[in-house]
Amino acid sequence: ENMSLDNVTGGHVRGGHILVVDNNHYVQRLMRTILSRSGYLVDVAGNGKEALECIERVQYDIVFLDMDMPMHDGEQTITEIRESEIQHEHLP
């Protein structure tokens, strides 16, 4: 089961806060492992809709976004983020 806002480091964060958005559980686990071992706090979302919910609640330093996802794909998600850009102007 995919969990939004699934913090993997839980403690001191050296590198920042990252959101990984991908419907592939293998990619989620791989990205989480690599990034958390490098000192980042990592949250995971399984689709664009979950990503938007996460972005509303948490200020991320960067979002890794899969462009090809069912339901709410990456392009649609980026469009919605940019439409509300004033609220999310901290995202590159």
Protein backbone atom coordinates (compact mmCIF):
# COMPACT_ATOMS: atom_id res chain seq x y z
CA GLU A 1 0.00 0.00 0.00
CA ASN A 2 1.30 3.43 -0.93
CA MET A 3 1.56 5.96 1.89
CA SER A 4 1.70 9.70 1.26
CA LEU A 5 4.08 11.60 3.49
CA ASP A 6 5.97 8.46 4.42
CA ASN A 7 9.02 9.89 6.20
CA VAL A 8 11.93 7.52 5.96
CA THR A 9 14.63 9.19 7.99
CA GLY A 10 12.56 10.45 10.90
CA GLY A 11 15.48 12.32 12.45
CA HIS A 12 18.06 14.93 11.54
CA VAL A 13 17.95 15.82 7.85
CA ARG A 14 21.11 17.05 6.17
CA GLY A 15 20.03 17.38 2.55
CA GLY A 16 16.48 18.68 2.49
CA HIS A 17 12.98 17.37 1.96
CA ILE A 18 12.12 15.53 -1.27
CA LEU A 19 8.87 14.20 -2.69
CA VAL A 20 9.10 11.21 -5.05
CA VAL A 21 6.00 10.74 -7.21
CA ASP A 22 5.81 7.44 -9.09
CA ASN A 23 3.21 4.69 -9.44
CA ASN A 24 5.94 2.02 -9.65
CA HIS A 25 6.64 0.65 -6.16
CA TYR A 26 10.11 -0.55 -7.17
CA VAL A 27 11.07 2.98 -8.29
CA GLN A 28 9.61 4.41 -5.06
CA ARG A 29 11.70 2.04 -2.91
CA LEU A 30 14.85 2.61 -4.96
CA MET A 31 14.57 6.41 -4.87
CA ARG A 32 13.70 6.37 -1.17
CA THR A 33 16.72 4.20 -0.35
CA ILE A 34 19.21 6.19 -2.41
CA LEU A 35 18.00 9.60 -1.26
CA SER A 36 17.55 8.76 2.42
CA ARG A 37 21.03 7.22 2.57
CA SER A 38 22.31 10.51 1.19
CA GLY A 39 20.71 12.39 4.09
CA TYR A 40 17.42 13.52 2.58
CA LEU A 41 13.99 13.29 4.15
CA VAL A 42 11.87 11.47 1.55
CA ASP A 43 8.10 11.31 1.11
CA VAL A 44 6.42 9.15 -1.53
CA ALA A 45 3.21 9.62 -3.51
CA GLY A 46 1.77 7.10 -5.96
CA ASN A 47 0.15 9.54 -8.38
CA GLY A 48 -0.26 13.23 -9.15
CA LYS A 49 -3.37 13.63 -7.02
CA GLU A 50 -1.51 12.35 -3.95
CA ALA A 51 1.43 14.59 -4.86
CA LEU A 52 -0.78 17.68 -4.91
CA GLU A 53 -2.15 16.75 -1.48
CA CYS A 54 1.40 16.37 -0.15
CA ILE A 55 2.53 19.69 -1.65
CA GLU A 56 -0.41 21.44 0.00
CA ARG A 57 0.77 20.23 3.42
CA VAL A 58 4.57 20.22 3.16
CA GLN A 59 7.14 22.58 1.69
CA TYR A 60 9.46 20.40 -0.42
CA ASP A 61 12.86 21.40 -1.67
CA ILE A 62 12.39 19.31 -4.82
CA VAL A 63 9.83 16.97 -6.37
CA PHE A 64 10.82 14.02 -8.55
CA LEU A 65 7.79 13.43 -10.75
CA ASP A 66 7.10 10.51 -13.09
CA MET A 67 5.47 11.92 -16.22
CA ASP A 68 3.67 8.69 -17.22
CA MET A 69 1.24 7.67 -14.48
CA PRO A 70 -2.38 6.53 -14.57
CA MET A 71 -5.19 8.68 -13.14
CA HIS A 72 -3.30 11.95 -12.67
CA ASP A 73 -0.15 12.05 -14.81
CA GLY A 74 2.94 14.20 -14.39
CA GLU A 75 2.03 16.77 -17.01
CA GLN A 76 -1.38 17.36 -15.45
CA THR A 77 0.23 17.59 -12.02
CA ILE A 78 2.79 20.16 -13.18
CA THR A 79 0.02 22.22 -14.76
CA GLU A 80 -1.94 22.25 -11.50
CA ILE A 81 1.17 23.15 -9.47
CA ARG A 82 1.95 26.03 -11.85
CA GLU A 83 -1.66 27.25 -11.76
CA SER A 84 -1.31 27.65 -8.01
CA GLU A 85 2.30 28.84 -8.33
CA ILE A 86 1.87 31.72 -5.89
CA GLN A 87 1.32 29.19 -3.10
CA HIS A 88 4.16 26.95 -4.34
CA GLU A 89 6.68 29.45 -5.63
CA HIS A 90 9.44 27.70 -3.69
CA LEU A 91 9.35 24.74 -6.13
CA PRO A 92 11.84 24.93 -9.03
